[in-house]
Amino acid sequence: MSLDEFATSSGEVTRILGLDIGDRRIGVAISDSLGYTAQGIEVIDRKQVDWLLRISELIKDMDVGAIVVGLPRNMNGSLGPRGQLCQEMADELKARFHIPVHLWDERLSTVAAERTLIEADISRKKRKKVIDQMAASWILQGYLDSVRRV
């Protein structure tokens, strides 16, 4: 797999949406149009917003050609209930939006994001507001780096 799969006729890569799916919140990140960098853009509160509608709006507004969903695995590589839920949600996204949906191992992405925010001396209250979108950014950046190497 390479970023060529997402290239338009002009050679520009359609954007890729990265999702860190949690029980209550979904962190969202977007790639740049060249497929080099990921940037966190928002957190969707699933209790307050129709998350599928919001994803639909983002796909349309940002010219999204694929989605990367973080797949939480146990440290031994097995899938637990959260991983199975993410697989089901990825299948739902693929069926609903008819674009490629890739699962990406997200082990320790939230831990890494939290550590980065602590090192930047961000208060606990502020960390809570951005941790999910930062984790989505880590997930998407890992995916982008892996497909760029191919």
N, C-alpha and C. Protein backbone atom coordinates (compact mmCIF):
# COMPACT_ATOMS: atom_id res chain seq x y z
N MET A 1 0.84 -1.17 0.00
CA MET A 1 0.00 0.00 0.00
C MET A 1 0.89 1.24 0.00
N SER A 2 0.52 2.22 -0.79
CA SER A 2 1.27 3.47 -0.82
C SER A 2 0.29 4.63 -0.98
N LEU A 3 0.81 5.83 -0.84
CA LEU A 3 -0.04 7.02 -0.98
C LEU A 3 -0.52 7.21 -2.40
N ASP A 4 0.10 6.53 -3.38
CA ASP A 4 -0.36 6.62 -4.76
C ASP A 4 -1.82 6.17 -4.89
N GLU A 5 -2.25 5.29 -4.00
CA GLU A 5 -3.63 4.81 -4.03
C GLU A 5 -4.63 5.94 -3.83
N PHE A 6 -4.20 7.00 -3.17
CA PHE A 6 -5.09 8.10 -2.83
C PHE A 6 -4.88 9.30 -3.73
N ALA A 7 -4.06 9.16 -4.76
CA ALA A 7 -3.73 10.29 -5.62
C ALA A 7 -4.86 10.56 -6.62
N THR A 8 -5.09 11.84 -6.87
CA THR A 8 -6.05 12.25 -7.88
C THR A 8 -5.34 12.26 -9.23
N SER A 9 -6.04 12.57 -10.29
CA SER A 9 -5.43 12.60 -11.62
C SER A 9 -4.31 13.64 -11.71
N SER A 10 -4.36 14.67 -10.88
CA SER A 10 -3.31 15.69 -10.89
C SER A 10 -2.12 15.29 -10.02
N GLY A 11 -2.20 14.11 -9.38
CA GLY A 11 -1.12 13.64 -8.54
C GLY A 11 -1.25 14.06 -7.08
N GLU A 12 -2.22 14.91 -6.77
CA GLU A 12 -2.42 15.32 -5.39
C GLU A 12 -3.14 14.21 -4.63
N VAL A 13 -2.75 14.01 -3.40
CA VAL A 13 -3.34 12.97 -2.57
C VAL A 13 -4.60 13.51 -1.90
N THR A 14 -5.70 12.75 -1.98
CA THR A 14 -6.88 13.17 -1.22
C THR A 14 -6.54 13.02 0.25
N ARG A 15 -7.17 13.79 1.05
CA ARG A 15 -6.85 13.77 2.47
C ARG A 15 -7.32 12.48 3.14
N ILE A 16 -6.66 12.15 4.21
CA ILE A 16 -6.98 10.95 4.98
C ILE A 16 -7.38 11.40 6.38
N LEU A 17 -8.48 10.86 6.85
CA LEU A 17 -9.01 11.19 8.17
C LEU A 17 -8.53 10.13 9.16
N GLY A 18 -8.04 10.55 10.30
CA GLY A 18 -7.62 9.63 11.35
C GLY A 18 -8.57 9.73 12.53
N LEU A 19 -8.96 8.58 13.07
CA LEU A 19 -9.91 8.55 14.19
C LEU A 19 -9.37 7.74 15.36
N ASP A 20 -9.47 8.31 16.54
CA ASP A 20 -9.19 7.60 17.79
C ASP A 20 -10.52 7.46 18.50
N ILE A 21 -11.10 6.27 18.42
CA ILE A 21 -12.46 6.05 18.90
C ILE A 21 -12.45 5.61 20.36
N GLY A 22 -13.14 6.37 21.18
CA GLY A 22 -13.29 6.03 22.59
C GLY A 22 -14.75 5.81 22.94
N ASP A 23 -15.00 5.47 24.18
CA ASP A 23 -16.38 5.23 24.62
C ASP A 23 -17.24 6.47 24.46
N ARG A 24 -16.69 7.61 24.83
CA ARG A 24 -17.48 8.85 24.78
C ARG A 24 -17.03 9.80 23.68
N ARG A 25 -15.73 9.86 23.44
CA ARG A 25 -15.20 10.84 22.49
C ARG A 25 -14.46 10.17 21.34
N ILE A 26 -14.44 10.86 20.21
CA ILE A 26 -13.67 10.43 19.05
C ILE A 26 -12.71 11.55 18.70
N GLY A 27 -11.43 11.27 18.82
CA GLY A 27 -10.43 12.23 18.39
C GLY A 27 -10.31 12.17 16.88
N VAL A 28 -10.18 13.34 16.24
CA VAL A 28 -10.15 13.41 14.78
C VAL A 28 -8.90 14.16 14.34
N ALA A 29 -8.22 13.59 13.35
CA ALA A 29 -7.06 14.23 12.73
C ALA A 29 -7.23 14.15 11.22
N ILE A 30 -6.53 15.03 10.51
CA ILE A 30 -6.60 15.05 9.04
C ILE A 30 -5.18 15.17 8.51
N SER A 31 -4.95 14.52 7.36
CA SER A 31 -3.65 14.66 6.71
C SER A 31 -3.63 15.92 5.88
N ASP A 32 -2.42 16.38 5.55
CA ASP A 32 -2.32 17.46 4.58
C ASP A 32 -2.61 16.85 3.20
N SER A 33 -2.76 17.68 2.19
CA SER A 33 -3.15 17.18 0.87
C SER A 33 -2.03 16.40 0.18
N LEU A 34 -0.80 16.46 0.70
CA LEU A 34 0.30 15.68 0.14
C LEU A 34 0.49 14.35 0.86
N GLY A 35 -0.17 14.18 1.99
CA GLY A 35 -0.07 12.93 2.73
C GLY A 35 1.19 12.82 3.56
N TYR A 36 1.77 13.96 3.97
CA TYR A 36 2.99 13.93 4.78
C TYR A 36 2.75 14.08 6.27
N THR A 37 1.80 14.95 6.62
CA THR A 37 1.63 15.24 8.04
C THR A 37 0.18 15.09 8.48
N ALA A 38 0.02 14.79 9.75
CA ALA A 38 -1.30 14.68 10.37
C ALA A 38 -1.45 15.79 11.39
N GLN A 39 -2.65 16.33 11.45
CA GLN A 39 -2.93 17.40 12.41
C GLN A 39 -4.26 17.11 13.08
N GLY A 40 -4.28 17.16 14.40
CA GLY A 40 -5.53 17.00 15.13
C GLY A 40 -6.44 18.18 14.85
N ILE A 41 -7.73 17.89 14.61
CA ILE A 41 -8.63 18.99 14.28
C ILE A 41 -9.81 19.15 15.24
N GLU A 42 -10.26 18.07 15.86
CA GLU A 42 -11.39 18.22 16.78
C GLU A 42 -11.62 16.94 17.56
N VAL A 43 -12.51 17.07 18.52
CA VAL A 43 -12.98 15.92 19.29
C VAL A 43 -14.50 15.90 19.16
N ILE A 44 -15.02 14.76 18.78
CA ILE A 44 -16.47 14.59 18.65
C ILE A 44 -16.98 13.91 19.92
N ASP A 45 -17.89 14.55 20.61
CA ASP A 45 -18.51 13.97 21.80
C ASP A 45 -19.70 13.13 21.33
N ARG A 46 -19.57 11.83 21.42
CA ARG A 46 -20.60 10.92 20.90
C ARG A 46 -21.91 11.02 21.67
N LYS A 47 -21.88 11.55 22.87
CA LYS A 47 -23.11 11.68 23.66
C LYS A 47 -23.89 12.94 23.25
N GLN A 48 -23.20 13.90 22.62
CA GLN A 48 -23.85 15.17 22.28
C GLN A 48 -24.06 15.36 20.77
N VAL A 49 -23.37 14.60 19.95
CA VAL A 49 -23.39 14.81 18.50
C VAL A 49 -23.61 13.48 17.79
N ASP A 50 -24.34 13.52 16.68
CA ASP A 50 -24.45 12.34 15.81
C ASP A 50 -23.10 12.19 15.11
N TRP A 51 -22.27 11.31 15.64
CA TRP A 51 -20.89 11.22 15.18
C TRP A 51 -20.79 10.82 13.71
N LEU A 52 -21.68 9.97 13.21
CA LEU A 52 -21.62 9.59 11.79
C LEU A 52 -21.97 10.77 10.89
N LEU A 53 -22.89 11.60 11.33
CA LEU A 53 -23.21 12.81 10.56
C LEU A 53 -22.01 13.75 10.53
N ARG A 54 -21.35 13.91 11.67
CA ARG A 54 -20.18 14.79 11.71
C ARG A 54 -19.04 14.25 10.84
N ILE A 55 -18.82 12.95 10.85
CA ILE A 55 -17.79 12.34 9.99
C ILE A 55 -18.16 12.58 8.53
N SER A 56 -19.43 12.44 8.19
CA SER A 56 -19.90 12.69 6.83
C SER A 56 -19.58 14.12 6.40
N GLU A 57 -19.84 15.08 7.29
CA GLU A 57 -19.54 16.48 6.98
C GLU A 57 -18.04 16.69 6.75
N LEU A 58 -17.23 16.07 7.59
CA LEU A 58 -15.77 16.22 7.45
C LEU A 58 -15.28 15.60 6.14
N ILE A 59 -15.82 14.44 5.77
CA ILE A 59 -15.43 13.79 4.52
C ILE A 59 -15.73 14.70 3.34
N LYS A 60 -16.90 15.29 3.36
CA LYS A 60 -17.31 16.17 2.26
C LYS A 60 -16.50 17.47 2.25
N ASP A 61 -16.42 18.12 3.40
CA ASP A 61 -15.78 19.43 3.48
C ASP A 61 -14.27 19.39 3.26
N MET A 62 -13.64 18.26 3.60
CA MET A 62 -12.18 18.20 3.54
C MET A 62 -11.65 17.29 2.43
N ASP A 63 -12.53 16.85 1.54
CA ASP A 63 -12.12 16.01 0.42
C ASP A 63 -11.36 14.77 0.90
N VAL A 64 -11.99 14.04 1.82
CA VAL A 64 -11.38 12.85 2.41
C VAL A 64 -11.57 11.65 1.49
N GLY A 65 -10.47 10.94 1.22
CA GLY A 65 -10.52 9.78 0.35
C GLY A 65 -10.33 8.46 1.07
N ALA A 66 -10.00 8.52 2.37
CA ALA A 66 -9.80 7.30 3.16
C ALA A 66 -9.85 7.67 4.64
N ILE A 67 -10.07 6.66 5.46
CA ILE A 67 -10.13 6.83 6.91
C ILE A 67 -9.18 5.82 7.54
N VAL A 68 -8.48 6.26 8.58
CA VAL A 68 -7.65 5.36 9.39
C VAL A 68 -8.24 5.36 10.79
N VAL A 69 -8.59 4.17 11.26
CA VAL A 69 -9.17 4.01 12.59
C VAL A 69 -8.14 3.33 13.47
N GLY A 70 -7.88 3.94 14.62
CA GLY A 70 -6.97 3.32 15.57
C GLY A 70 -7.55 2.02 16.10
N LEU A 71 -6.73 0.97 16.08
CA LEU A 71 -7.15 -0.34 16.56
C LEU A 71 -6.40 -0.66 17.84
N PRO A 72 -7.08 -0.55 18.98
CA PRO A 72 -6.40 -0.84 20.24
C PRO A 72 -6.18 -2.35 20.41
N ARG A 73 -4.94 -2.70 20.57
CA ARG A 73 -4.57 -4.10 20.81
C ARG A 73 -3.99 -4.21 22.21
N ASN A 74 -4.10 -5.40 22.77
CA ASN A 74 -3.43 -5.67 24.03
C ASN A 74 -1.93 -5.73 23.75
N MET A 75 -1.12 -5.62 24.77
CA MET A 75 0.32 -5.62 24.57
C MET A 75 0.83 -6.90 23.92
N ASN A 76 0.09 -8.02 24.06
CA ASN A 76 0.50 -9.27 23.42
C ASN A 76 -0.02 -9.37 21.98
N GLY A 77 -0.68 -8.31 21.49
CA GLY A 77 -1.16 -8.28 20.11
C GLY A 77 -2.59 -8.75 19.93
N SER A 78 -3.19 -9.32 20.95
CA SER A 78 -4.57 -9.80 20.84
C SER A 78 -5.54 -8.63 20.88
N LEU A 79 -6.77 -8.91 20.44
CA LEU A 79 -7.83 -7.90 20.48
C LEU A 79 -8.74 -8.15 21.66
N GLY A 80 -9.05 -7.09 22.36
CA GLY A 80 -10.02 -7.16 23.44
C GLY A 80 -11.34 -6.60 22.96
N PRO A 81 -12.27 -6.38 23.87
CA PRO A 81 -13.58 -5.83 23.51
C PRO A 81 -13.49 -4.47 22.80
N ARG A 82 -12.60 -3.59 23.24
CA ARG A 82 -12.46 -2.27 22.61
C ARG A 82 -11.97 -2.43 21.16
N GLY A 83 -11.04 -3.34 20.93
CA GLY A 83 -10.55 -3.59 19.57
C GLY A 83 -11.64 -4.13 18.66
N GLN A 84 -12.44 -5.03 19.19
CA GLN A 84 -13.55 -5.57 18.40
C GLN A 84 -14.56 -4.49 18.06
N LEU A 85 -14.83 -3.60 19.02
CA LEU A 85 -15.75 -2.49 18.77
C LEU A 85 -15.20 -1.58 17.67
N CYS A 86 -13.91 -1.29 17.70
CA CYS A 86 -13.30 -0.45 16.66
C CYS A 86 -13.37 -1.11 15.30
N GLN A 87 -13.20 -2.43 15.25
CA GLN A 87 -13.34 -3.15 13.97
C GLN A 87 -14.77 -3.01 13.44
N GLU A 88 -15.75 -3.16 14.33
CA GLU A 88 -17.15 -3.03 13.92
C GLU A 88 -17.44 -1.61 13.42
N MET A 89 -16.91 -0.62 14.11
CA MET A 89 -17.14 0.76 13.69
C MET A 89 -16.44 1.04 12.35
N ALA A 90 -15.27 0.47 12.15
CA ALA A 90 -14.57 0.63 10.87
C ALA A 90 -15.40 0.01 9.74
N ASP A 91 -15.99 -1.16 9.99
CA ASP A 91 -16.85 -1.79 8.99
C ASP A 91 -18.06 -0.91 8.69
N GLU A 92 -18.62 -0.29 9.73
CA GLU A 92 -19.76 0.61 9.56
C GLU A 92 -19.37 1.83 8.72
N LEU A 93 -18.20 2.39 8.98
CA LEU A 93 -17.72 3.54 8.21
C LEU A 93 -17.52 3.17 6.74
N LYS A 94 -16.93 2.01 6.50
CA LYS A 94 -16.67 1.55 5.13
C LYS A 94 -17.99 1.36 4.37
N ALA A 95 -18.96 0.74 5.02
CA ALA A 95 -20.25 0.48 4.37
C ALA A 95 -21.02 1.78 4.12
N ARG A 96 -20.92 2.70 5.03
CA ARG A 96 -21.69 3.94 4.92
C ARG A 96 -21.10 4.92 3.91
N PHE A 97 -19.77 5.05 3.90
CA PHE A 97 -19.15 6.11 3.10
C PHE A 97 -18.48 5.61 1.82
N HIS A 98 -18.34 4.30 1.67
CA HIS A 98 -17.79 3.71 0.44
C HIS A 98 -16.41 4.25 0.09
N ILE A 99 -15.58 4.44 1.11
CA ILE A 99 -14.18 4.80 0.90
C ILE A 99 -13.33 3.81 1.71
N PRO A 100 -12.06 3.67 1.37
CA PRO A 100 -11.21 2.73 2.13
C PRO A 100 -11.13 3.13 3.60
N VAL A 101 -11.22 2.14 4.46
CA VAL A 101 -11.05 2.34 5.90
C VAL A 101 -9.97 1.36 6.35
N HIS A 102 -8.92 1.90 6.92
CA HIS A 102 -7.78 1.09 7.36
C HIS A 102 -7.72 1.09 8.87
N LEU A 103 -7.39 -0.06 9.44
CA LEU A 103 -7.18 -0.17 10.88
C LEU A 103 -5.68 -0.04 11.14
N TRP A 104 -5.31 0.73 12.16
CA TRP A 104 -3.91 0.96 12.47
C TRP A 104 -3.69 0.71 13.95
N ASP A 105 -2.69 -0.11 14.25
CA ASP A 105 -2.36 -0.46 15.63
C ASP A 105 -2.08 0.82 16.42
N GLU A 106 -2.88 1.07 17.43
CA GLU A 106 -2.73 2.31 18.19
C GLU A 106 -2.14 2.10 19.56
N ARG A 107 -1.55 0.93 19.80
CA ARG A 107 -0.98 0.69 21.13
C ARG A 107 -0.11 1.86 21.56
N LEU A 108 -0.37 2.35 22.73
CA LEU A 108 0.41 3.39 23.39
C LEU A 108 0.29 4.77 22.76
N SER A 109 -0.60 4.96 21.78
CA SER A 109 -0.73 6.29 21.17
C SER A 109 -1.22 7.32 22.19
N THR A 110 -2.18 6.95 23.01
CA THR A 110 -2.69 7.88 24.01
C THR A 110 -1.64 8.14 25.08
N VAL A 111 -0.88 7.11 25.43
CA VAL A 111 0.19 7.27 26.41
C VAL A 111 1.25 8.22 25.87
N ALA A 112 1.62 8.05 24.60
CA ALA A 112 2.62 8.94 23.98
C ALA A 112 2.11 10.37 23.91
N ALA A 113 0.85 10.53 23.53
CA ALA A 113 0.26 11.87 23.45
C ALA A 113 0.23 12.52 24.83
N GLU A 114 -0.16 11.77 25.83
CA GLU A 114 -0.21 12.29 27.21
C GLU A 114 1.19 12.71 27.66
N ARG A 115 2.17 11.88 27.39
CA ARG A 115 3.55 12.19 27.79
C ARG A 115 4.03 13.48 27.12
N THR A 116 3.71 13.65 25.84
CA THR A 116 4.10 14.86 25.12
C THR A 116 3.47 16.09 25.74
N LEU A 117 2.19 15.98 26.09
CA LEU A 117 1.49 17.12 26.70
C LEU A 117 2.03 17.44 28.09
N ILE A 118 2.38 16.43 28.85
CA ILE A 118 2.97 16.65 30.18
C ILE A 118 4.32 17.34 30.04
N GLU A 119 5.14 16.86 29.08
CA GLU A 119 6.45 17.47 28.86
C GLU A 119 6.32 18.93 28.41
N ALA A 120 5.22 19.25 27.74
CA ALA A 120 4.97 20.62 27.30
C ALA A 120 4.34 21.45 28.43
N ASP A 121 4.21 20.84 29.61
CA ASP A 121 3.67 21.50 30.80
C ASP A 121 2.24 22.00 30.59
N ILE A 122 1.43 21.19 29.91
CA ILE A 122 0.02 21.50 29.70
C ILE A 122 -0.75 21.02 30.93
N SER A 123 -1.64 21.85 31.45
CA SER A 123 -2.39 21.49 32.65
C SER A 123 -3.28 20.27 32.38
N ARG A 124 -3.60 19.58 33.46
CA ARG A 124 -4.45 18.38 33.35
C ARG A 124 -5.78 18.72 32.69
N LYS A 125 -6.37 19.86 33.04
CA LYS A 125 -7.65 20.26 32.46
C LYS A 125 -7.54 20.47 30.95
N LYS A 126 -6.49 21.13 30.51
CA LYS A 126 -6.29 21.36 29.07
C LYS A 126 -5.94 20.06 28.35
N ARG A 127 -5.16 19.19 29.01
CA ARG A 127 -4.80 17.89 28.40
C ARG A 127 -6.05 17.09 28.08
N LYS A 128 -7.00 17.09 29.00
CA LYS A 128 -8.22 16.32 28.81
C LYS A 128 -8.97 16.77 27.55
N LYS A 129 -8.89 18.05 27.21
CA LYS A 129 -9.60 18.59 26.06
C LYS A 129 -8.95 18.20 24.73
N VAL A 130 -7.64 17.97 24.74
CA VAL A 130 -6.95 17.75 23.46
C VAL A 130 -6.35 16.35 23.29
N ILE A 131 -6.35 15.55 24.34
CA ILE A 131 -5.67 14.25 24.28
C ILE A 131 -6.22 13.35 23.17
N ASP A 132 -7.53 13.36 22.96
CA ASP A 132 -8.12 12.47 21.96
C ASP A 132 -7.73 12.88 20.53
N GLN A 133 -7.74 14.17 20.25
CA GLN A 133 -7.36 14.58 18.90
C GLN A 133 -5.86 14.42 18.70
N MET A 134 -5.07 14.57 19.76
CA MET A 134 -3.64 14.35 19.63
C MET A 134 -3.35 12.86 19.39
N ALA A 135 -4.08 11.99 20.08
CA ALA A 135 -3.91 10.55 19.86
C ALA A 135 -4.30 10.19 18.42
N ALA A 136 -5.36 10.81 17.89
CA ALA A 136 -5.76 10.58 16.50
C ALA A 136 -4.66 11.03 15.56
N SER A 137 -4.00 12.12 15.89
CA SER A 137 -2.89 12.61 15.08
C SER A 137 -1.73 11.63 15.09
N TRP A 138 -1.41 11.07 16.25
CA TRP A 138 -0.33 10.06 16.35
C TRP A 138 -0.67 8.84 15.51
N ILE A 139 -1.91 8.39 15.59
CA ILE A 139 -2.35 7.22 14.82
C ILE A 139 -2.20 7.49 13.33
N LEU A 140 -2.74 8.61 12.88
CA LEU A 140 -2.69 8.94 11.45
C LEU A 140 -1.25 9.16 10.99
N GLN A 141 -0.43 9.82 11.80
CA GLN A 141 0.96 10.06 11.40
C GLN A 141 1.71 8.73 11.26
N GLY A 142 1.45 7.80 12.16
CA GLY A 142 2.08 6.48 12.04
C GLY A 142 1.70 5.79 10.75
N TYR A 143 0.43 5.88 10.40
CA TYR A 143 -0.05 5.29 9.15
C TYR A 143 0.61 5.98 7.95
N LEU A 144 0.61 7.32 7.94
CA LEU A 144 1.20 8.05 6.81
C LEU A 144 2.68 7.72 6.65
N ASP A 145 3.41 7.64 7.75
CA ASP A 145 4.83 7.30 7.68
C ASP A 145 5.04 5.91 7.12
N SER A 146 4.16 4.97 7.49
CA SER A 146 4.34 3.59 7.01
C SER A 146 4.04 3.46 5.52
N VAL A 147 3.03 4.16 5.01
CA VAL A 147 2.70 4.01 3.58
C VAL A 147 3.66 4.83 2.71
N ARG A 148 4.27 5.85 3.27
CA ARG A 148 5.24 6.63 2.51
C ARG A 148 6.53 5.86 2.29
N ARG A 149 6.83 4.93 3.18
CA ARG A 149 8.06 4.12 3.08
C ARG A 149 7.94 3.06 2.01
N VAL A 150 6.73 2.69 1.64
CA VAL A 150 6.53 1.58 0.68
C VAL A 150 6.95 1.99 -0.71
